[in-house]
Amino acid sequence: MAGSSASAFQVADIPPPQDDPPASDVPPAEQPSEELHTGTEQPEGHGAKPGLPQLDVTTFASQLFWLVISFAVLYLVISRIAAPKISGVIADRAGRIKGDLDQAAQAKRNSDAAIANYEKALADARTGALKIGDDFRKTVQAESDAKNATATKQLAADTQKAEARIAEMRTAAMSRVGDVAREAAADIIAKLTGDSVGASDLDAAVRNALKRT
């Protein structure tokens, strides 16, 4: 009884066999490529080693041909399209630079001419001012000299008139002094001596006294 139950337990643990699917339904497994092929490899029968294609001696002729064609096309493009445009731009820029330089030179010439005119006008004004000053000084000096001459003449005339008046006054005074002296001498002599003196004697004595003074 126990042996039959143990065998039954072992049979229950074994999974039932599964039916294999048909061979036609299973896709074939992809086999990984064992070799990595590149486009630069050559068949082993030619004996060439893998490398850059432009270093392949067998393609040098075609490479040189296309190199010449490429340079020719590039030369035509540059000479017919790019070079004229560049030359035009350079010529235009050179023309602008030349125009700017010409304008700057003309402006400098105008500035120099303006400075020269200003300096000339300043020198003329200075010369004119000096001339006006000299003329004014000469005019003032002439007027002053004329006034001085007139004043001198007037002063001389006034001096002569004053001297004439003084001389007249002196003459009058001297004549009066003589009369006074004669009268005083006659009075003194009369009081001292009691005698009278003649007029001729008194005139002679007064004249001698006035001459001594």
N, C-alpha and C. Protein backbone atom coordinates (compact mmCIF):
# COMPACT_ATOMS: atom_id res chain seq x y z
N MET A 1 0.83 -1.19 0.00
CA MET A 1 0.00 0.00 0.00
C MET A 1 0.87 1.24 0.00
N ALA A 2 1.81 1.34 0.88
CA ALA A 2 2.75 2.47 0.93
C ALA A 2 3.57 2.56 -0.30
N GLY A 3 3.97 1.44 -0.89
CA GLY A 3 4.81 1.46 -2.09
C GLY A 3 4.05 1.96 -3.27
N SER A 4 2.77 1.64 -3.35
CA SER A 4 1.97 2.10 -4.48
C SER A 4 1.71 3.58 -4.40
N SER A 5 1.53 4.12 -3.16
CA SER A 5 1.31 5.58 -3.02
C SER A 5 2.57 6.36 -3.32
N ALA A 6 3.77 5.90 -2.98
CA ALA A 6 5.03 6.62 -3.29
C ALA A 6 5.28 6.66 -4.76
N SER A 7 4.99 5.55 -5.46
CA SER A 7 5.19 5.55 -6.91
C SER A 7 4.21 6.48 -7.57
N ALA A 8 2.97 6.54 -6.99
CA ALA A 8 1.99 7.46 -7.55
C ALA A 8 2.43 8.92 -7.37
N PHE A 9 3.06 9.30 -6.22
CA PHE A 9 3.55 10.67 -5.95
C PHE A 9 4.66 11.05 -6.90
N GLN A 10 5.58 10.11 -7.17
CA GLN A 10 6.66 10.39 -8.11
C GLN A 10 6.12 10.60 -9.50
N VAL A 11 5.16 9.83 -9.90
CA VAL A 11 4.58 9.99 -11.24
C VAL A 11 3.88 11.32 -11.35
N ALA A 12 3.24 11.80 -10.24
CA ALA A 12 2.54 13.09 -10.29
C ALA A 12 3.51 14.25 -10.41
N ASP A 13 4.75 14.15 -9.88
CA ASP A 13 5.73 15.25 -9.97
C ASP A 13 6.35 15.37 -11.35
N ILE A 14 6.32 14.39 -12.17
CA ILE A 14 6.96 14.45 -13.51
C ILE A 14 5.98 15.10 -14.45
N PRO A 15 6.40 16.22 -15.08
CA PRO A 15 5.49 16.88 -16.04
C PRO A 15 5.28 16.01 -17.24
N PRO A 16 4.10 16.16 -17.82
CA PRO A 16 3.81 15.35 -19.01
C PRO A 16 4.64 15.81 -20.18
N PRO A 17 5.06 14.97 -21.07
CA PRO A 17 5.86 15.36 -22.25
C PRO A 17 5.04 16.26 -23.17
N GLN A 18 5.73 17.31 -23.74
CA GLN A 18 5.10 18.25 -24.65
C GLN A 18 5.38 17.84 -26.07
N ASP A 19 4.37 18.07 -26.90
CA ASP A 19 4.53 17.73 -28.31
C ASP A 19 5.40 18.76 -29.00
N ASP A 20 6.41 18.37 -29.78
CA ASP A 20 7.28 19.30 -30.54
C ASP A 20 6.52 19.93 -31.67
N PRO A 21 6.66 21.23 -31.90
CA PRO A 21 5.98 21.87 -33.03
C PRO A 21 6.56 21.39 -34.33
N PRO A 22 5.80 21.53 -35.40
CA PRO A 22 6.32 21.10 -36.71
C PRO A 22 7.55 21.90 -37.09
N ALA A 23 8.38 21.27 -37.84
CA ALA A 23 9.63 21.91 -38.25
C ALA A 23 9.39 23.09 -39.16
N SER A 24 8.25 23.06 -39.87
CA SER A 24 7.99 24.16 -40.82
C SER A 24 7.60 25.45 -40.10
N ASP A 25 7.04 25.36 -38.81
CA ASP A 25 6.60 26.57 -38.09
C ASP A 25 7.74 27.29 -37.40
N VAL A 26 8.85 26.66 -37.14
CA VAL A 26 9.97 27.29 -36.41
C VAL A 26 10.86 27.98 -37.41
N PRO A 27 11.08 29.35 -37.21
CA PRO A 27 11.97 30.06 -38.17
C PRO A 27 13.41 29.63 -37.95
N PRO A 28 14.14 29.58 -39.05
CA PRO A 28 15.56 29.20 -38.89
C PRO A 28 16.32 30.24 -38.11
N ALA A 29 17.18 29.84 -37.24
CA ALA A 29 17.98 30.76 -36.42
C ALA A 29 18.98 31.50 -37.27
N GLU A 30 19.05 32.83 -37.00
CA GLU A 30 20.01 33.64 -37.77
C GLU A 30 21.40 33.38 -37.22
N GLN A 31 22.26 33.08 -38.15
CA GLN A 31 23.64 32.82 -37.77
C GLN A 31 24.41 34.14 -37.78
N PRO A 32 25.11 34.49 -36.71
CA PRO A 32 25.90 35.74 -36.71
C PRO A 32 27.05 35.65 -37.69
N SER A 33 27.28 36.82 -38.31
CA SER A 33 28.38 36.89 -39.29
C SER A 33 29.70 36.88 -38.54
N GLU A 34 30.52 35.98 -38.92
CA GLU A 34 31.80 35.87 -38.25
C GLU A 34 32.81 36.88 -38.75
N GLU A 35 32.59 37.42 -39.97
CA GLU A 35 33.56 38.37 -40.53
C GLU A 35 32.85 39.69 -40.82
N LEU A 36 33.53 40.83 -40.54
CA LEU A 36 33.03 42.17 -40.83
C LEU A 36 33.69 42.67 -42.08
N HIS A 37 32.86 42.74 -43.12
CA HIS A 37 33.40 43.15 -44.42
C HIS A 37 33.23 44.65 -44.58
N THR A 38 34.24 45.33 -45.13
CA THR A 38 34.20 46.77 -45.43
C THR A 38 34.30 46.96 -46.92
N GLY A 39 33.94 48.14 -47.33
CA GLY A 39 33.97 48.42 -48.76
C GLY A 39 35.36 48.63 -49.30
N THR A 40 36.33 48.78 -48.42
CA THR A 40 37.70 49.05 -48.87
C THR A 40 38.50 47.78 -49.08
N GLU A 41 37.90 46.60 -48.71
CA GLU A 41 38.67 45.36 -48.84
C GLU A 41 38.61 44.85 -50.27
N GLN A 42 39.68 44.31 -50.69
CA GLN A 42 39.82 43.74 -52.02
C GLN A 42 39.85 42.22 -51.90
N PRO A 43 39.44 41.55 -52.92
CA PRO A 43 39.53 40.07 -52.86
C PRO A 43 40.96 39.62 -52.64
N GLU A 44 41.05 38.54 -51.93
CA GLU A 44 42.39 38.06 -51.60
C GLU A 44 43.15 37.60 -52.83
N GLY A 45 42.41 37.34 -53.92
CA GLY A 45 43.11 36.86 -55.11
C GLY A 45 43.97 37.92 -55.73
N HIS A 46 43.64 39.26 -55.56
CA HIS A 46 44.46 40.33 -56.15
C HIS A 46 45.68 40.62 -55.32
N GLY A 47 45.74 40.26 -54.10
CA GLY A 47 46.93 40.47 -53.27
C GLY A 47 47.03 41.87 -52.70
N ALA A 48 45.94 42.74 -52.73
CA ALA A 48 45.98 44.11 -52.21
C ALA A 48 45.62 44.11 -50.73
N LYS A 49 46.18 45.04 -50.03
CA LYS A 49 45.92 45.16 -48.61
C LYS A 49 44.82 46.20 -48.40
N PRO A 50 43.98 46.04 -47.38
CA PRO A 50 42.94 47.03 -47.13
C PRO A 50 43.54 48.36 -46.71
N GLY A 51 42.90 49.55 -47.13
CA GLY A 51 43.39 50.90 -46.81
C GLY A 51 42.50 51.95 -47.44
N LEU A 52 42.98 53.25 -47.48
CA LEU A 52 42.22 54.35 -48.07
C LEU A 52 42.18 54.20 -49.58
N PRO A 53 41.01 54.49 -50.20
CA PRO A 53 40.92 54.30 -51.66
C PRO A 53 41.75 55.32 -52.42
N GLN A 54 41.92 56.54 -51.87
CA GLN A 54 42.69 57.54 -52.61
C GLN A 54 44.18 57.23 -52.64
N LEU A 55 44.60 56.26 -51.83
CA LEU A 55 46.00 55.82 -51.87
C LEU A 55 46.20 54.60 -52.74
N ASP A 56 45.13 54.21 -53.38
CA ASP A 56 45.24 53.04 -54.27
C ASP A 56 45.93 53.47 -55.56
N VAL A 57 47.02 52.79 -55.91
CA VAL A 57 47.81 53.16 -57.10
C VAL A 57 47.01 52.98 -58.36
N THR A 58 46.11 52.03 -58.37
CA THR A 58 45.36 51.74 -59.60
C THR A 58 44.37 52.84 -59.94
N THR A 59 44.01 53.72 -58.96
CA THR A 59 43.04 54.80 -59.22
C THR A 59 43.70 56.16 -59.33
N PHE A 60 45.02 56.22 -59.40
CA PHE A 60 45.71 57.51 -59.48
C PHE A 60 45.34 58.26 -60.74
N ALA A 61 45.23 57.58 -61.85
CA ALA A 61 44.93 58.25 -63.13
C ALA A 61 43.57 58.93 -63.08
N SER A 62 42.56 58.20 -62.64
CA SER A 62 41.22 58.80 -62.55
C SER A 62 41.19 59.92 -61.52
N GLN A 63 41.92 59.76 -60.41
CA GLN A 63 41.96 60.83 -59.42
C GLN A 63 42.60 62.09 -59.98
N LEU A 64 43.70 61.91 -60.72
CA LEU A 64 44.35 63.07 -61.34
C LEU A 64 43.44 63.73 -62.37
N PHE A 65 42.74 62.95 -63.14
CA PHE A 65 41.83 63.48 -64.14
C PHE A 65 40.75 64.34 -63.49
N TRP A 66 40.08 63.78 -62.47
CA TRP A 66 39.02 64.54 -61.82
C TRP A 66 39.57 65.72 -61.02
N LEU A 67 40.81 65.59 -60.55
CA LEU A 67 41.44 66.73 -59.89
C LEU A 67 41.65 67.89 -60.85
N VAL A 68 42.13 67.54 -62.08
CA VAL A 68 42.32 68.57 -63.10
C VAL A 68 40.98 69.19 -63.47
N ILE A 69 39.96 68.37 -63.66
CA ILE A 69 38.63 68.87 -64.01
C ILE A 69 38.11 69.79 -62.90
N SER A 70 38.28 69.36 -61.65
CA SER A 70 37.79 70.17 -60.53
C SER A 70 38.51 71.52 -60.46
N PHE A 71 39.84 71.51 -60.63
CA PHE A 71 40.58 72.77 -60.61
C PHE A 71 40.20 73.66 -61.78
N ALA A 72 39.95 73.05 -62.95
CA ALA A 72 39.53 73.85 -64.11
C ALA A 72 38.18 74.50 -63.87
N VAL A 73 37.24 73.74 -63.34
CA VAL A 73 35.92 74.30 -63.04
C VAL A 73 36.04 75.39 -61.97
N LEU A 74 36.84 75.10 -60.93
CA LEU A 74 37.03 76.10 -59.88
C LEU A 74 37.69 77.36 -60.43
N TYR A 75 38.67 77.20 -61.33
CA TYR A 75 39.33 78.36 -61.94
C TYR A 75 38.35 79.18 -62.77
N LEU A 76 37.51 78.48 -63.56
CA LEU A 76 36.52 79.18 -64.38
C LEU A 76 35.52 79.94 -63.51
N VAL A 77 35.07 79.29 -62.43
CA VAL A 77 34.11 79.95 -61.54
C VAL A 77 34.74 81.19 -60.89
N ILE A 78 36.00 81.04 -60.43
CA ILE A 78 36.66 82.17 -59.78
C ILE A 78 36.96 83.28 -60.76
N SER A 79 37.48 82.90 -61.96
CA SER A 79 37.88 83.92 -62.93
C SER A 79 36.70 84.61 -63.59
N ARG A 80 35.59 83.90 -63.78
CA ARG A 80 34.44 84.49 -64.48
C ARG A 80 33.42 85.11 -63.54
N ILE A 81 33.33 84.63 -62.31
CA ILE A 81 32.26 85.10 -61.42
C ILE A 81 32.85 85.79 -60.18
N ALA A 82 33.67 85.06 -59.43
CA ALA A 82 34.13 85.59 -58.15
C ALA A 82 35.15 86.72 -58.33
N ALA A 83 36.13 86.50 -59.24
CA ALA A 83 37.20 87.50 -59.41
C ALA A 83 36.66 88.84 -59.88
N PRO A 84 35.75 88.89 -60.90
CA PRO A 84 35.21 90.21 -61.28
C PRO A 84 34.48 90.92 -60.14
N LYS A 85 33.70 90.16 -59.37
CA LYS A 85 33.01 90.78 -58.25
C LYS A 85 34.00 91.31 -57.22
N ILE A 86 35.01 90.50 -56.91
CA ILE A 86 36.02 90.95 -55.95
C ILE A 86 36.77 92.16 -56.48
N SER A 87 37.12 92.11 -57.80
CA SER A 87 37.83 93.24 -58.40
C SER A 87 36.96 94.49 -58.37
N GLY A 88 35.66 94.32 -58.66
CA GLY A 88 34.76 95.46 -58.60
C GLY A 88 34.66 96.04 -57.21
N VAL A 89 34.57 95.15 -56.22
CA VAL A 89 34.50 95.64 -54.83
C VAL A 89 35.78 96.36 -54.44
N ILE A 90 36.92 95.78 -54.85
CA ILE A 90 38.21 96.40 -54.53
C ILE A 90 38.34 97.75 -55.24
N ALA A 91 37.95 97.79 -56.54
CA ALA A 91 38.02 99.05 -57.27
C ALA A 91 37.09 100.10 -56.67
N ASP A 92 35.88 99.67 -56.31
CA ASP A 92 34.93 100.60 -55.68
C ASP A 92 35.48 101.13 -54.37
N ARG A 93 36.03 100.22 -53.56
CA ARG A 93 36.60 100.65 -52.28
C ARG A 93 37.80 101.58 -52.51
N ALA A 94 38.65 101.23 -53.50
CA ALA A 94 39.79 102.10 -53.80
C ALA A 94 39.31 103.48 -54.26
N GLY A 95 38.25 103.49 -55.09
CA GLY A 95 37.70 104.78 -55.52
C GLY A 95 37.16 105.59 -54.37
N ARG A 96 36.46 104.92 -53.45
CA ARG A 96 35.95 105.63 -52.28
C ARG A 96 37.08 106.17 -51.42
N ILE A 97 38.10 105.33 -51.24
CA ILE A 97 39.25 105.78 -50.44
C ILE A 97 39.93 106.97 -51.11
N LYS A 98 40.11 106.87 -52.43
CA LYS A 98 40.73 107.98 -53.16
C LYS A 98 39.88 109.24 -53.06
N GLY A 99 38.54 109.06 -53.20
CA GLY A 99 37.66 110.21 -53.05
C GLY A 99 37.73 110.83 -51.67
N ASP A 100 37.76 109.96 -50.65
CA ASP A 100 37.88 110.47 -49.27
C ASP A 100 39.21 111.20 -49.07
N LEU A 101 40.29 110.62 -49.64
CA LEU A 101 41.58 111.28 -49.51
C LEU A 101 41.60 112.62 -50.25
N ASP A 102 40.99 112.65 -51.43
CA ASP A 102 40.91 113.91 -52.17
C ASP A 102 40.10 114.94 -51.41
N GLN A 103 38.97 114.50 -50.83
CA GLN A 103 38.16 115.43 -50.04
C GLN A 103 38.93 115.93 -48.82
N ALA A 104 39.67 115.01 -48.17
CA ALA A 104 40.46 115.42 -47.01
C ALA A 104 41.55 116.42 -47.43
N ALA A 105 42.21 116.14 -48.58
CA ALA A 105 43.24 117.06 -49.06
C ALA A 105 42.64 118.42 -49.41
N GLN A 106 41.47 118.40 -50.07
CA GLN A 106 40.81 119.66 -50.40
C GLN A 106 40.39 120.42 -49.14
N ALA A 107 39.88 119.68 -48.16
CA ALA A 107 39.51 120.32 -46.90
C ALA A 107 40.73 120.92 -46.20
N LYS A 108 41.87 120.21 -46.27
CA LYS A 108 43.10 120.73 -45.68
C LYS A 108 43.55 121.99 -46.41
N ARG A 109 43.46 121.96 -47.75
CA ARG A 109 43.84 123.15 -48.51
C ARG A 109 42.93 124.32 -48.17
N ASN A 110 41.62 124.04 -48.06
CA ASN A 110 40.69 125.11 -47.70
C ASN A 110 40.99 125.64 -46.30
N SER A 111 41.30 124.71 -45.39
CA SER A 111 41.63 125.13 -44.03
C SER A 111 42.91 125.98 -44.01
N ASP A 112 43.92 125.54 -44.77
CA ASP A 112 45.16 126.33 -44.83
C ASP A 112 44.90 127.71 -45.43
N ALA A 113 44.07 127.74 -46.49
CA ALA A 113 43.75 129.04 -47.10
C ALA A 113 43.00 129.93 -46.14
N ALA A 114 42.03 129.33 -45.40
CA ALA A 114 41.29 130.13 -44.42
C ALA A 114 42.21 130.65 -43.32
N ILE A 115 43.14 129.80 -42.85
CA ILE A 115 44.08 130.24 -41.82
C ILE A 115 44.98 131.36 -42.35
N ALA A 116 45.43 131.19 -43.62
CA ALA A 116 46.28 132.23 -44.21
C ALA A 116 45.51 133.55 -44.34
N ASN A 117 44.25 133.46 -44.79
CA ASN A 117 43.43 134.68 -44.91
C ASN A 117 43.21 135.31 -43.53
N TYR A 118 42.96 134.46 -42.54
CA TYR A 118 42.75 134.99 -41.19
C TYR A 118 44.01 135.69 -40.67
N GLU A 119 45.16 135.05 -40.88
CA GLU A 119 46.41 135.66 -40.43
C GLU A 119 46.68 136.97 -41.18
N LYS A 120 46.39 136.97 -42.50
CA LYS A 120 46.58 138.19 -43.27
C LYS A 120 45.64 139.30 -42.80
N ALA A 121 44.36 138.92 -42.57
CA ALA A 121 43.41 139.92 -42.07
C ALA A 121 43.83 140.44 -40.70
N LEU A 122 44.33 139.53 -39.85
CA LEU A 122 44.79 139.95 -38.53
C LEU A 122 45.98 140.89 -38.63
N ALA A 123 46.94 140.54 -39.54
CA ALA A 123 48.10 141.41 -39.72
C ALA A 123 47.67 142.77 -40.28
N ASP A 124 46.72 142.77 -41.25
CA ASP A 124 46.24 144.03 -41.81
C ASP A 124 45.54 144.86 -40.73
N ALA A 125 44.73 144.19 -39.90
CA ALA A 125 44.05 144.91 -38.83
C ALA A 125 45.05 145.49 -37.84
N ARG A 126 46.09 144.70 -37.52
CA ARG A 126 47.10 145.20 -36.59
C ARG A 126 47.84 146.40 -37.20
N THR A 127 48.18 146.27 -38.49
CA THR A 127 48.86 147.38 -39.16
C THR A 127 47.96 148.62 -39.22
N GLY A 128 46.67 148.38 -39.55
CA GLY A 128 45.75 149.50 -39.59
C GLY A 128 45.57 150.16 -38.23
N ALA A 129 45.50 149.33 -37.17
CA ALA A 129 45.37 149.89 -35.83
C ALA A 129 46.60 150.71 -35.45
N LEU A 130 47.79 150.19 -35.79
CA LEU A 130 49.01 150.95 -35.51
C LEU A 130 49.03 152.26 -36.29
N LYS A 131 48.61 152.21 -37.55
CA LYS A 131 48.59 153.42 -38.37
C LYS A 131 47.58 154.43 -37.82
N ILE A 132 46.40 153.92 -37.42
CA ILE A 132 45.40 154.82 -36.84
C ILE A 132 45.93 155.44 -35.55
N GLY A 133 46.60 154.62 -34.74
CA GLY A 133 47.18 155.14 -33.50
C GLY A 133 48.24 156.20 -33.77
N ASP A 134 49.11 155.92 -34.76
CA ASP A 134 50.14 156.89 -35.11
C ASP A 134 49.52 158.19 -35.63
N ASP A 135 48.51 158.03 -36.51
CA ASP A 135 47.85 159.23 -37.05
C ASP A 135 47.18 160.03 -35.94
N PHE A 136 46.50 159.32 -35.05
CA PHE A 136 45.85 160.02 -33.94
C PHE A 136 46.86 160.71 -33.04
N ARG A 137 47.98 160.02 -32.77
CA ARG A 137 49.01 160.63 -31.94
C ARG A 137 49.61 161.86 -32.63
N LYS A 138 49.84 161.73 -33.92
CA LYS A 138 50.39 162.87 -34.66
C LYS A 138 49.40 164.05 -34.67
N THR A 139 48.11 163.70 -34.85
CA THR A 139 47.10 164.77 -34.85
C THR A 139 47.03 165.46 -33.50
N VAL A 140 47.01 164.64 -32.43
CA VAL A 140 46.97 165.22 -31.09
C VAL A 140 48.21 166.05 -30.82
N GLN A 141 49.37 165.53 -31.26
CA GLN A 141 50.61 166.26 -31.05
C GLN A 141 50.61 167.58 -31.82
N ALA A 142 50.09 167.51 -33.06
CA ALA A 142 50.02 168.75 -33.84
C ALA A 142 49.07 169.76 -33.20
N GLU A 143 47.91 169.26 -32.77
CA GLU A 143 46.98 170.16 -32.10
C GLU A 143 47.59 170.73 -30.81
N SER A 144 48.28 169.85 -30.08
CA SER A 144 48.92 170.31 -28.85
C SER A 144 50.01 171.34 -29.15
N ASP A 145 50.80 171.05 -30.17
CA ASP A 145 51.85 172.01 -30.55
C ASP A 145 51.24 173.34 -30.98
N ALA A 146 50.15 173.24 -31.77
CA ALA A 146 49.50 174.48 -32.20
C ALA A 146 48.96 175.26 -31.02
N LYS A 147 48.30 174.53 -30.10
CA LYS A 147 47.78 175.20 -28.91
C LYS A 147 48.90 175.78 -28.07
N ASN A 148 50.01 175.00 -27.95
CA ASN A 148 51.15 175.50 -27.19
C ASN A 148 51.75 176.76 -27.83
N ALA A 149 51.84 176.71 -29.16
CA ALA A 149 52.38 177.88 -29.86
C ALA A 149 51.48 179.09 -29.66
N THR A 150 50.16 178.85 -29.79
CA THR A 150 49.22 179.95 -29.58
C THR A 150 49.30 180.47 -28.16
N ALA A 151 49.37 179.51 -27.21
CA ALA A 151 49.47 179.94 -25.81
C ALA A 151 50.77 180.67 -25.56
N THR A 152 51.85 180.20 -26.19
CA THR A 152 53.14 180.87 -26.00
C THR A 152 53.10 182.28 -26.56
N LYS A 153 52.52 182.38 -27.76
CA LYS A 153 52.40 183.73 -28.35
C LYS A 153 51.53 184.62 -27.49
N GLN A 154 50.42 184.07 -27.03
CA GLN A 154 49.54 184.86 -26.18
C GLN A 154 50.24 185.24 -24.89
N LEU A 155 50.99 184.26 -24.34
CA LEU A 155 51.71 184.56 -23.10
C LEU A 155 52.78 185.62 -23.33
N ALA A 156 53.46 185.52 -24.47
CA ALA A 156 54.47 186.53 -24.77
C ALA A 156 53.83 187.91 -24.94
N ALA A 157 52.70 187.92 -25.63
CA ALA A 157 52.01 189.21 -25.80
C ALA A 157 51.54 189.76 -24.46
N ASP A 158 50.98 188.84 -23.64
CA ASP A 158 50.52 189.28 -22.32
C ASP A 158 51.69 189.75 -21.47
N THR A 159 52.83 189.03 -21.61
CA THR A 159 54.02 189.43 -20.85
C THR A 159 54.50 190.81 -21.28
N GLN A 160 54.52 191.02 -22.59
CA GLN A 160 54.94 192.33 -23.09
C GLN A 160 53.99 193.42 -22.60
N LYS A 161 52.70 193.12 -22.65
CA LYS A 161 51.74 194.12 -22.16
C LYS A 161 51.95 194.38 -20.67
N ALA A 162 52.17 193.28 -19.90
CA ALA A 162 52.38 193.45 -18.47
C ALA A 162 53.65 194.24 -18.20
N GLU A 163 54.71 193.90 -18.94
CA GLU A 163 55.96 194.64 -18.76
C GLU A 163 55.78 196.11 -19.12
N ALA A 164 55.01 196.35 -20.18
CA ALA A 164 54.77 197.75 -20.57
C ALA A 164 54.00 198.47 -19.49
N ARG A 165 52.96 197.79 -18.96
CA ARG A 165 52.20 198.42 -17.89
C ARG A 165 53.07 198.64 -16.65
N ILE A 166 53.92 197.60 -16.34
CA ILE A 166 54.81 197.75 -15.19
C ILE A 166 55.78 198.92 -15.40
N ALA A 167 56.28 199.00 -16.64
CA ALA A 167 57.20 200.12 -16.93
C ALA A 167 56.50 201.46 -16.79
N GLU A 168 55.27 201.50 -17.31
CA GLU A 168 54.51 202.73 -17.17
C GLU A 168 54.24 203.04 -15.71
N MET A 169 53.83 202.01 -14.97
CA MET A 169 53.58 202.21 -13.55
C MET A 169 54.85 202.63 -12.82
N ARG A 170 55.97 202.02 -13.21
CA ARG A 170 57.25 202.38 -12.58
C ARG A 170 57.62 203.82 -12.91
N THR A 171 57.43 204.16 -14.17
CA THR A 171 57.76 205.53 -14.57
C THR A 171 56.89 206.53 -13.80
N ALA A 172 55.59 206.16 -13.73
CA ALA A 172 54.69 207.05 -13.00
C ALA A 172 55.08 207.12 -11.53
N ALA A 173 55.40 205.92 -10.99
CA ALA A 173 55.79 205.89 -9.58
C ALA A 173 57.07 206.68 -9.35
N MET A 174 58.04 206.54 -10.26
CA MET A 174 59.30 207.24 -10.11
C MET A 174 59.08 208.75 -10.22
N SER A 175 58.17 209.09 -11.13
CA SER A 175 57.91 210.54 -11.25
C SER A 175 57.26 211.07 -9.97
N ARG A 176 56.39 210.27 -9.41
CA ARG A 176 55.77 210.68 -8.17
C ARG A 176 56.78 210.68 -7.02
N VAL A 177 57.67 209.69 -7.06
CA VAL A 177 58.71 209.62 -6.02
C VAL A 177 59.58 210.88 -6.07
N GLY A 178 59.88 211.30 -7.28
CA GLY A 178 60.70 212.52 -7.41
C GLY A 178 59.99 213.73 -6.84
N ASP A 179 58.70 213.85 -7.18
CA ASP A 179 57.94 214.99 -6.64
C ASP A 179 57.87 214.94 -5.13
N VAL A 180 57.57 213.69 -4.63
CA VAL A 180 57.47 213.53 -3.17
C VAL A 180 58.83 213.82 -2.52
N ALA A 181 59.90 213.32 -3.17
CA ALA A 181 61.25 213.53 -2.61
C ALA A 181 61.61 215.02 -2.60
N ARG A 182 61.24 215.74 -3.66
CA ARG A 182 61.54 217.17 -3.70
C ARG A 182 60.78 217.91 -2.61
N GLU A 183 59.48 217.55 -2.47
CA GLU A 183 58.69 218.22 -1.45
C GLU A 183 59.21 217.90 -0.05
N ALA A 184 59.57 216.60 0.14
CA ALA A 184 60.07 216.22 1.46
C ALA A 184 61.42 216.89 1.75
N ALA A 185 62.29 216.97 0.77
CA ALA A 185 63.61 217.58 0.97
C ALA A 185 63.47 219.07 1.25
N ALA A 186 62.53 219.70 0.54
CA ALA A 186 62.34 221.14 0.78
C ALA A 186 61.82 221.38 2.18
N ASP A 187 60.84 220.55 2.64
CA ASP A 187 60.29 220.69 3.98
C ASP A 187 61.37 220.45 5.04
N ILE A 188 62.18 219.38 4.82
CA ILE A 188 63.23 219.06 5.80
C ILE A 188 64.24 220.19 5.90
N ILE A 189 64.67 220.71 4.74
CA ILE A 189 65.68 221.78 4.73
C ILE A 189 65.10 223.04 5.37
N ALA A 190 63.85 223.29 5.10
CA ALA A 190 63.22 224.50 5.65
C ALA A 190 63.11 224.39 7.16
N LYS A 191 62.76 223.19 7.64
CA LYS A 191 62.63 223.02 9.07
C LYS A 191 63.99 223.03 9.76
N LEU A 192 65.00 222.49 9.11
CA LEU A 192 66.31 222.40 9.75
C LEU A 192 67.04 223.74 9.68
N THR A 193 67.02 224.34 8.57
CA THR A 193 67.82 225.55 8.40
C THR A 193 66.97 226.81 8.41
N GLY A 194 65.75 226.68 8.10
CA GLY A 194 64.90 227.87 8.02
C GLY A 194 65.02 228.57 6.70
N ASP A 195 65.87 228.03 5.77
CA ASP A 195 66.04 228.65 4.46
C ASP A 195 65.30 227.83 3.42
N SER A 196 64.97 228.42 2.33
CA SER A 196 64.36 227.72 1.20
C SER A 196 65.42 227.42 0.15
N VAL A 197 65.26 226.26 -0.53
CA VAL A 197 66.23 225.81 -1.55
C VAL A 197 65.54 225.94 -2.90
N GLY A 198 66.35 226.29 -3.89
CA GLY A 198 65.78 226.44 -5.22
C GLY A 198 65.32 225.11 -5.83
N ALA A 199 64.40 225.18 -6.75
CA ALA A 199 63.84 223.96 -7.38
C ALA A 199 64.89 223.21 -8.17
N SER A 200 65.80 223.96 -8.85
CA SER A 200 66.84 223.29 -9.65
C SER A 200 67.77 222.49 -8.78
N ASP A 201 68.09 223.06 -7.65
CA ASP A 201 68.98 222.32 -6.73
C ASP A 201 68.29 221.06 -6.20
N LEU A 202 67.01 221.22 -5.89
CA LEU A 202 66.27 220.04 -5.40
C LEU A 202 66.15 218.96 -6.48
N ASP A 203 65.89 219.34 -7.73
CA ASP A 203 65.79 218.34 -8.82
C ASP A 203 67.11 217.63 -9.03
N ALA A 204 68.24 218.36 -8.96
CA ALA A 204 69.55 217.75 -9.15
C ALA A 204 69.86 216.79 -8.01
N ALA A 205 69.51 217.18 -6.79
CA ALA A 205 69.78 216.30 -5.65
C ALA A 205 68.92 215.03 -5.72
N VAL A 206 67.64 215.19 -6.12
CA VAL A 206 66.74 214.01 -6.22
C VAL A 206 67.19 213.06 -7.32
N ARG A 207 67.61 213.63 -8.46
CA ARG A 207 68.09 212.77 -9.57
C ARG A 207 69.34 212.01 -9.16
N ASN A 208 70.23 212.67 -8.44
CA ASN A 208 71.45 211.96 -8.00
C ASN A 208 71.12 210.84 -7.02
N ALA A 209 70.13 211.14 -6.15
CA ALA A 209 69.72 210.11 -5.18
C ALA A 209 69.04 208.92 -5.87
N LEU A 210 68.19 209.22 -6.85
CA LEU A 210 67.51 208.12 -7.58
C LEU A 210 68.49 207.30 -8.40
N LYS A 211 69.52 207.95 -8.94
CA LYS A 211 70.53 207.19 -9.69
C LYS A 211 71.28 206.25 -8.80
N ARG A 212 71.59 206.65 -7.61
CA ARG A 212 72.32 205.80 -6.67
C ARG A 212 71.46 204.60 -6.24
N THR A 213 70.13 204.75 -6.17
CA THR A 213 69.28 203.67 -5.77
C THR A 213 69.06 202.72 -6.91
